[in-house]
Amino acid sequence: MNAKPTPLQRFLERHPDLDQATLAAKIGTSQGYLSQLASRKRRPSVGMVNRVLAVLRRYEPDLTYDDLFGKAA
């Protein structure tokens, strides 16, 4: 039984030219840490959110935190 993809995982599926390894390199983190963010095993810091959004908004300019990680607490 496969878990439902998270919004960040779906984003990466929509953009096959941007895989986890490439995104991790662009935001200056490891692929393992990015995988934890994508699977919601970890919550990103504000700085990490800003780095992720800076890269991903090149693909989808109106992307928000909520689009990728859910409602901010």
PDB file of N, CA and C in Angstrom:
ATOM      1  N   MET A   1       0.836  -1.175   0.000  1.00  0.00           N
ATOM      2  CA  MET A   1       0.000   0.000   0.000  1.00  0.00           C
ATOM      3  C   MET A   1       0.886   1.246   0.000  1.00  0.00           C
ATOM      4  N   ASN A   2       0.749   2.089  -1.009  1.00  0.00           N
ATOM      5  CA  ASN A   2       1.554   3.289  -1.127  1.00  0.00           C
ATOM      6  C   ASN A   2       0.851   4.454  -0.452  1.00  0.00           C
ATOM      7  N   ALA A   3       1.649   5.286   0.199  1.00  0.00           N
ATOM      8  CA  ALA A   3       1.104   6.483   0.819  1.00  0.00           C
ATOM      9  C   ALA A   3       0.771   7.502  -0.267  1.00  0.00           C
ATOM     10  N   LYS A   4      -0.200   8.334   0.003  1.00  0.00           N
ATOM     11  CA  LYS A   4      -0.578   9.398  -0.924  1.00  0.00           C
ATOM     12  C   LYS A   4       0.588  10.387  -1.036  1.00  0.00           C
ATOM     13  N   PRO A   5       0.952  10.789  -2.252  1.00  0.00           N
ATOM     14  CA  PRO A   5       2.061  11.743  -2.403  1.00  0.00           C
ATOM     15  C   PRO A   5       1.750  13.074  -1.722  1.00  0.00           C
ATOM     16  N   THR A   6       2.770  13.672  -1.153  1.00  0.00           N
ATOM     17  CA  THR A   6       2.629  14.984  -0.529  1.00  0.00           C
ATOM     18  C   THR A   6       2.670  16.056  -1.621  1.00  0.00           C
ATOM     19  N   PRO A   7       2.276  17.278  -1.292  1.00  0.00           N
ATOM     20  CA  PRO A   7       2.316  18.338  -2.305  1.00  0.00           C
ATOM     21  C   PRO A   7       3.709  18.550  -2.914  1.00  0.00           C
ATOM     22  N   LEU A   8       4.768  18.492  -2.106  1.00  0.00           N
ATOM     23  CA  LEU A   8       6.110  18.663  -2.648  1.00  0.00           C
ATOM     24  C   LEU A   8       6.469  17.506  -3.580  1.00  0.00           C
ATOM     25  N   GLN A   9       6.081  16.297  -3.232  1.00  0.00           N
ATOM     26  CA  GLN A   9       6.322  15.154  -4.109  1.00  0.00           C
ATOM     27  C   GLN A   9       5.557  15.307  -5.426  1.00  0.00           C
ATOM     28  N   ARG A  10       4.320  15.781  -5.352  1.00  0.00           N
ATOM     29  CA  ARG A  10       3.531  16.001  -6.570  1.00  0.00           C
ATOM     30  C   ARG A  10       4.151  17.090  -7.440  1.00  0.00           C
ATOM     31  N   PHE A  11       4.680  18.134  -6.793  1.00  0.00           N
ATOM     32  CA  PHE A  11       5.354  19.188  -7.550  1.00  0.00           C
ATOM     33  C   PHE A  11       6.505  18.593  -8.353  1.00  0.00           C
ATOM     34  N   LEU A  12       7.323  17.784  -7.707  1.00  0.00           N
ATOM     35  CA  LEU A  12       8.465  17.181  -8.393  1.00  0.00           C
ATOM     36  C   LEU A  12       8.015  16.244  -9.510  1.00  0.00           C
ATOM     37  N   GLU A  13       6.900  15.570  -9.329  1.00  0.00           N
ATOM     38  CA  GLU A  13       6.356  14.713 -10.391  1.00  0.00           C
ATOM     39  C   GLU A  13       5.906  15.540 -11.600  1.00  0.00           C
ATOM     40  N   ARG A  14       5.370  16.739 -11.341  1.00  0.00           N
ATOM     41  CA  ARG A  14       4.918  17.606 -12.437  1.00  0.00           C
ATOM     42  C   ARG A  14       6.087  18.199 -13.219  1.00  0.00           C
ATOM     43  N   HIS A  15       7.263  18.213 -12.610  1.00  0.00           N
ATOM     44  CA  HIS A  15       8.445  18.828 -13.221  1.00  0.00           C
ATOM     45  C   HIS A  15       9.574  17.800 -13.287  1.00  0.00           C
ATOM     46  N   PRO A  16       9.517  16.896 -14.261  1.00  0.00           N
ATOM     47  CA  PRO A  16      10.488  15.801 -14.318  1.00  0.00           C
ATOM     48  C   PRO A  16      11.930  16.256 -14.521  1.00  0.00           C
ATOM     49  N   ASP A  17      12.128  17.495 -14.959  1.00  0.00           N
ATOM     50  CA  ASP A  17      13.492  18.005 -15.091  1.00  0.00           C
ATOM     51  C   ASP A  17      14.079  18.456 -13.758  1.00  0.00           C
ATOM     52  N   LEU A  18      13.279  18.401 -12.688  1.00  0.00           N
ATOM     53  CA  LEU A  18      13.731  18.801 -11.359  1.00  0.00           C
ATOM     54  C   LEU A  18      13.489  17.644 -10.398  1.00  0.00           C
ATOM     55  N   ASP A  19      14.519  16.839 -10.153  1.00  0.00           N
ATOM     56  CA  ASP A  19      14.373  15.727  -9.219  1.00  0.00           C
ATOM     57  C   ASP A  19      14.890  16.143  -7.843  1.00  0.00           C
ATOM     58  N   GLN A  20      14.750  15.265  -6.864  1.00  0.00           N
ATOM     59  CA  GLN A  20      15.169  15.596  -5.495  1.00  0.00           C
ATOM     60  C   GLN A  20      16.643  15.934  -5.411  1.00  0.00           C
ATOM     61  N   ALA A  21      17.478  15.202  -6.118  1.00  0.00           N
ATOM     62  CA  ALA A  21      18.924  15.457  -6.052  1.00  0.00           C
ATOM     63  C   ALA A  21      19.262  16.847  -6.597  1.00  0.00           C
ATOM     64  N   THR A  22      18.629  17.213  -7.708  1.00  0.00           N
ATOM     65  CA  THR A  22      18.876  18.528  -8.307  1.00  0.00           C
ATOM     66  C   THR A  22      18.371  19.637  -7.406  1.00  0.00           C
ATOM     67  N   LEU A  23      17.157  19.482  -6.881  1.00  0.00           N
ATOM     68  CA  LEU A  23      16.607  20.494  -5.981  1.00  0.00           C
ATOM     69  C   LEU A  23      17.464  20.619  -4.732  1.00  0.00           C
ATOM     70  N   ALA A  24      17.876  19.512  -4.161  1.00  0.00           N
ATOM     71  CA  ALA A  24      18.724  19.553  -2.961  1.00  0.00           C
ATOM     72  C   ALA A  24      20.004  20.336  -3.235  1.00  0.00           C
ATOM     73  N   ALA A  25      20.634  20.093  -4.367  1.00  0.00           N
ATOM     74  CA  ALA A  25      21.867  20.814  -4.711  1.00  0.00           C
ATOM     75  C   ALA A  25      21.591  22.304  -4.870  1.00  0.00           C
ATOM     76  N   LYS A  26      20.469  22.660  -5.489  1.00  0.00           N
ATOM     77  CA  LYS A  26      20.151  24.069  -5.722  1.00  0.00           C
ATOM     78  C   LYS A  26      19.856  24.820  -4.431  1.00  0.00           C
ATOM     79  N   ILE A  27      19.328  24.122  -3.429  1.00  0.00           N
ATOM     80  CA  ILE A  27      19.004  24.807  -2.169  1.00  0.00           C
ATOM     81  C   ILE A  27      20.070  24.600  -1.106  1.00  0.00           C
ATOM     82  N   GLY A  28      21.116  23.862  -1.447  1.00  0.00           N
ATOM     83  CA  GLY A  28      22.247  23.710  -0.534  1.00  0.00           C
ATOM     84  C   GLY A  28      21.990  22.773   0.629  1.00  0.00           C
ATOM     85  N   THR A  29      21.326  21.665   0.371  1.00  0.00           N
ATOM     86  CA  THR A  29      21.085  20.681   1.423  1.00  0.00           C
ATOM     87  C   THR A  29      21.289  19.288   0.847  1.00  0.00           C
ATOM     88  N   SER A  30      21.170  18.292   1.700  1.00  0.00           N
ATOM     89  CA  SER A  30      21.334  16.913   1.221  1.00  0.00           C
ATOM     90  C   SER A  30      20.026  16.382   0.646  1.00  0.00           C
ATOM     91  N   GLN A  31      20.155  15.402  -0.208  1.00  0.00           N
ATOM     92  CA  GLN A  31      18.971  14.765  -0.767  1.00  0.00           C
ATOM     93  C   GLN A  31      18.178  14.060   0.343  1.00  0.00           C
ATOM     94  N   GLY A  32      18.873  13.520   1.331  1.00  0.00           N
ATOM     95  CA  GLY A  32      18.200  12.850   2.446  1.00  0.00           C
ATOM     96  C   GLY A  32      17.312  13.799   3.238  1.00  0.00           C
ATOM     97  N   TYR A  33      17.839  15.001   3.526  1.00  0.00           N
ATOM     98  CA  TYR A  33      17.052  15.986   4.264  1.00  0.00           C
ATOM     99  C   TYR A  33      15.849  16.428   3.426  1.00  0.00           C
ATOM    100  N   LEU A  34      16.064  16.658   2.138  1.00  0.00           N
ATOM    101  CA  LEU A  34      14.962  17.049   1.276  1.00  0.00           C
ATOM    102  C   LEU A  34      13.901  15.955   1.216  1.00  0.00           C
ATOM    103  N   SER A  35      14.329  14.712   1.191  1.00  0.00           N
ATOM    104  CA  SER A  35      13.391  13.591   1.206  1.00  0.00           C
ATOM    105  C   SER A  35      12.544  13.612   2.475  1.00  0.00           C
ATOM    106  N   GLN A  36      13.165  13.943   3.599  1.00  0.00           N
ATOM    107  CA  GLN A  36      12.419  14.037   4.859  1.00  0.00           C
ATOM    108  C   GLN A  36      11.396  15.167   4.808  1.00  0.00           C
ATOM    109  N   LEU A  37      11.770  16.285   4.182  1.00  0.00           N
ATOM    110  CA  LEU A  37      10.814  17.385   4.027  1.00  0.00           C
ATOM    111  C   LEU A  37       9.670  16.968   3.112  1.00  0.00           C
ATOM    112  N   ALA A  38      10.022  16.328   1.999  1.00  0.00           N
ATOM    113  CA  ALA A  38       9.011  15.937   1.016  1.00  0.00           C
ATOM    114  C   ALA A  38       8.021  14.930   1.586  1.00  0.00           C
ATOM    115  N   SER A  39       8.497  14.071   2.472  1.00  0.00           N
ATOM    116  CA  SER A  39       7.615  13.055   3.055  1.00  0.00           C
ATOM    117  C   SER A  39       6.982  13.514   4.370  1.00  0.00           C
ATOM    118  N   ARG A  40       7.238  14.757   4.734  1.00  0.00           N
ATOM    119  CA  ARG A  40       6.691  15.375   5.954  1.00  0.00           C
ATOM    120  C   ARG A  40       7.199  14.728   7.240  1.00  0.00           C
ATOM    121  N   LYS A  41       8.372  14.141   7.187  1.00  0.00           N
ATOM    122  CA  LYS A  41       8.977  13.597   8.401  1.00  0.00           C
ATOM    123  C   LYS A  41       9.675  14.692   9.198  1.00  0.00           C
ATOM    124  N   ARG A  42       9.962  15.810   8.538  1.00  0.00           N
ATOM    125  CA  ARG A  42      10.569  16.972   9.196  1.00  0.00           C
ATOM    126  C   ARG A  42       9.872  18.225   8.701  1.00  0.00           C
ATOM    127  N   ARG A  43       9.875  19.242   9.544  1.00  0.00           N
ATOM    128  CA  ARG A  43       9.336  20.550   9.168  1.00  0.00           C
ATOM    129  C   ARG A  43      10.511  21.454   8.819  1.00  0.00           C
ATOM    130  N   PRO A  44      10.401  22.210   7.740  1.00  0.00           N
ATOM    131  CA  PRO A  44      11.513  23.075   7.340  1.00  0.00           C
ATOM    132  C   PRO A  44      11.601  24.338   8.192  1.00  0.00           C
ATOM    133  N   SER A  45      12.813  24.841   8.324  1.00  0.00           N
ATOM    134  CA  SER A  45      13.006  26.140   8.973  1.00  0.00           C
ATOM    135  C   SER A  45      12.532  27.234   8.014  1.00  0.00           C
ATOM    136  N   VAL A  46      12.399  28.436   8.528  1.00  0.00           N
ATOM    137  CA  VAL A  46      11.989  29.560   7.689  1.00  0.00           C
ATOM    138  C   VAL A  46      13.004  29.768   6.565  1.00  0.00           C
ATOM    139  N   GLY A  47      14.282  29.681   6.891  1.00  0.00           N
ATOM    140  CA  GLY A  47      15.316  29.845   5.876  1.00  0.00           C
ATOM    141  C   GLY A  47      15.231  28.787   4.789  1.00  0.00           C
ATOM    142  N   MET A  48      14.964  27.548   5.174  1.00  0.00           N
ATOM    143  CA  MET A  48      14.845  26.472   4.196  1.00  0.00           C
ATOM    144  C   MET A  48      13.618  26.681   3.318  1.00  0.00           C
ATOM    145  N   VAL A  49      12.518  27.091   3.913  1.00  0.00           N
ATOM    146  CA  VAL A  49      11.307  27.376   3.134  1.00  0.00           C
ATOM    147  C   VAL A  49      11.617  28.435   2.077  1.00  0.00           C
ATOM    148  N   ASN A  50      12.310  29.487   2.478  1.00  0.00           N
ATOM    149  CA  ASN A  50      12.636  30.557   1.539  1.00  0.00           C
ATOM    150  C   ASN A  50      13.514  30.053   0.401  1.00  0.00           C
ATOM    151  N   ARG A  51      14.477  29.190   0.705  1.00  0.00           N
ATOM    152  CA  ARG A  51      15.357  28.648  -0.338  1.00  0.00           C
ATOM    153  C   ARG A  51      14.576  27.731  -1.281  1.00  0.00           C
ATOM    154  N   VAL A  52      13.721  26.880  -0.722  1.00  0.00           N
ATOM    155  CA  VAL A  52      12.914  25.974  -1.550  1.00  0.00           C
ATOM    156  C   VAL A  52      11.996  26.785  -2.459  1.00  0.00           C
ATOM    157  N   LEU A  53      11.287  27.736  -1.889  1.00  0.00           N
ATOM    158  CA  LEU A  53      10.357  28.534  -2.690  1.00  0.00           C
ATOM    159  C   LEU A  53      11.081  29.355  -3.750  1.00  0.00           C
ATOM    160  N   ALA A  54      12.276  29.870  -3.443  1.00  0.00           N
ATOM    161  CA  ALA A  54      13.028  30.656  -4.428  1.00  0.00           C
ATOM    162  C   ALA A  54      13.312  29.829  -5.677  1.00  0.00           C
ATOM    163  N   VAL A  55      13.626  28.560  -5.505  1.00  0.00           N
ATOM    164  CA  VAL A  55      13.894  27.691  -6.653  1.00  0.00           C
ATOM    165  C   VAL A  55      12.594  27.268  -7.332  1.00  0.00           C
ATOM    166  N   LEU A  56      11.633  26.819  -6.555  1.00  0.00           N
ATOM    167  CA  LEU A  56      10.413  26.266  -7.157  1.00  0.00           C
ATOM    168  C   LEU A  56       9.540  27.322  -7.824  1.00  0.00           C
ATOM    169  N   ARG A  57       9.643  28.568  -7.370  1.00  0.00           N
ATOM    170  CA  ARG A  57       8.850  29.631  -8.005  1.00  0.00           C
ATOM    171  C   ARG A  57       9.355  29.966  -9.404  1.00  0.00           C
ATOM    172  N   ARG A  58      10.526  29.473  -9.776  1.00  0.00           N
ATOM    173  CA  ARG A  58      10.976  29.625 -11.165  1.00  0.00           C
ATOM    174  C   ARG A  58      10.098  28.782 -12.091  1.00  0.00           C
ATOM    175  N   TYR A  59       9.505  27.742 -11.541  1.00  0.00           N
ATOM    176  CA  TYR A  59       8.628  26.842 -12.298  1.00  0.00           C
ATOM    177  C   TYR A  59       7.165  27.246 -12.159  1.00  0.00           C
ATOM    178  N   GLU A  60       6.783  27.640 -10.951  1.00  0.00           N
ATOM    179  CA  GLU A  60       5.394  28.036 -10.670  1.00  0.00           C
ATOM    180  C   GLU A  60       5.440  29.296  -9.802  1.00  0.00           C
ATOM    181  N   PRO A  61       5.404  30.479 -10.432  1.00  0.00           N
ATOM    182  CA  PRO A  61       5.626  31.740  -9.715  1.00  0.00           C
ATOM    183  C   PRO A  61       4.683  32.027  -8.543  1.00  0.00           C
ATOM    184  N   ASP A  62       3.487  31.491  -8.543  1.00  0.00           N
ATOM    185  CA  ASP A  62       2.518  31.787  -7.476  1.00  0.00           C
ATOM    186  C   ASP A  62       2.544  30.777  -6.334  1.00  0.00           C
ATOM    187  N   LEU A  63       3.520  29.906  -6.316  1.00  0.00           N
ATOM    188  CA  LEU A  63       3.615  28.855  -5.301  1.00  0.00           C
ATOM    189  C   LEU A  63       3.762  29.458  -3.901  1.00  0.00           C
ATOM    190  N   THR A  64       3.089  28.857  -2.921  1.00  0.00           N
ATOM    191  CA  THR A  64       3.152  29.330  -1.534  1.00  0.00           C
ATOM    192  C   THR A  64       3.621  28.217  -0.603  1.00  0.00           C
ATOM    193  N   TYR A  65       3.930  28.611   0.620  1.00  0.00           N
ATOM    194  CA  TYR A  65       4.277  27.641   1.661  1.00  0.00           C
ATOM    195  C   TYR A  65       3.151  26.621   1.799  1.00  0.00           C
ATOM    196  N   ASP A  66       1.936  27.104   1.884  1.00  0.00           N
ATOM    197  CA  ASP A  66       0.784  26.200   2.072  1.00  0.00           C
ATOM    198  C   ASP A  66       0.652  25.200   0.932  1.00  0.00           C
ATOM    199  N   ASP A  67       0.992  25.621  -0.289  1.00  0.00           N
ATOM    200  CA  ASP A  67       0.921  24.721  -1.431  1.00  0.00           C
ATOM    201  C   ASP A  67       1.841  23.512  -1.247  1.00  0.00           C
ATOM    202  N   LEU A  68       2.983  23.717  -0.600  1.00  0.00           N
ATOM    203  CA  LEU A  68       3.974  22.654  -0.465  1.00  0.00           C
ATOM    204  C   LEU A  68       3.949  21.921   0.866  1.00  0.00           C
ATOM    205  N   PHE A  69       3.677  22.650   1.946  1.00  0.00           N
ATOM    206  CA  PHE A  69       3.844  22.080   3.281  1.00  0.00           C
ATOM    207  C   PHE A  69       2.589  22.099   4.122  1.00  0.00           C
ATOM    208  N   GLY A  70       1.499  22.642   3.607  1.00  0.00           N
ATOM    209  CA  GLY A  70       0.265  22.726   4.387  1.00  0.00           C
ATOM    210  C   GLY A  70       0.174  24.034   5.141  1.00  0.00           C
ATOM    211  N   LYS A  71      -0.909  24.203   5.834  1.00  0.00           N
ATOM    212  CA  LYS A  71      -1.138  25.456   6.562  1.00  0.00           C
ATOM    213  C   LYS A  71      -0.059  25.677   7.610  1.00  0.00           C
ATOM    214  N   ALA A  72       0.434  26.911   7.662  1.00  0.00           N
ATOM    215  CA  ALA A  72       1.434  27.287   8.662  1.00  0.00           C
ATOM    216  C   ALA A  72       0.786  27.261  10.045  1.00  0.00           C
ATOM    217  N   ALA A  73       1.530  26.763  11.010  1.00  0.00           N
ATOM    218  CA  ALA A  73       0.992  26.663  12.379  1.00  0.00           C
ATOM    219  C   ALA A  73       1.076  27.979  13.105  1.00  0.00           C
TER     220      ALA A  73
END
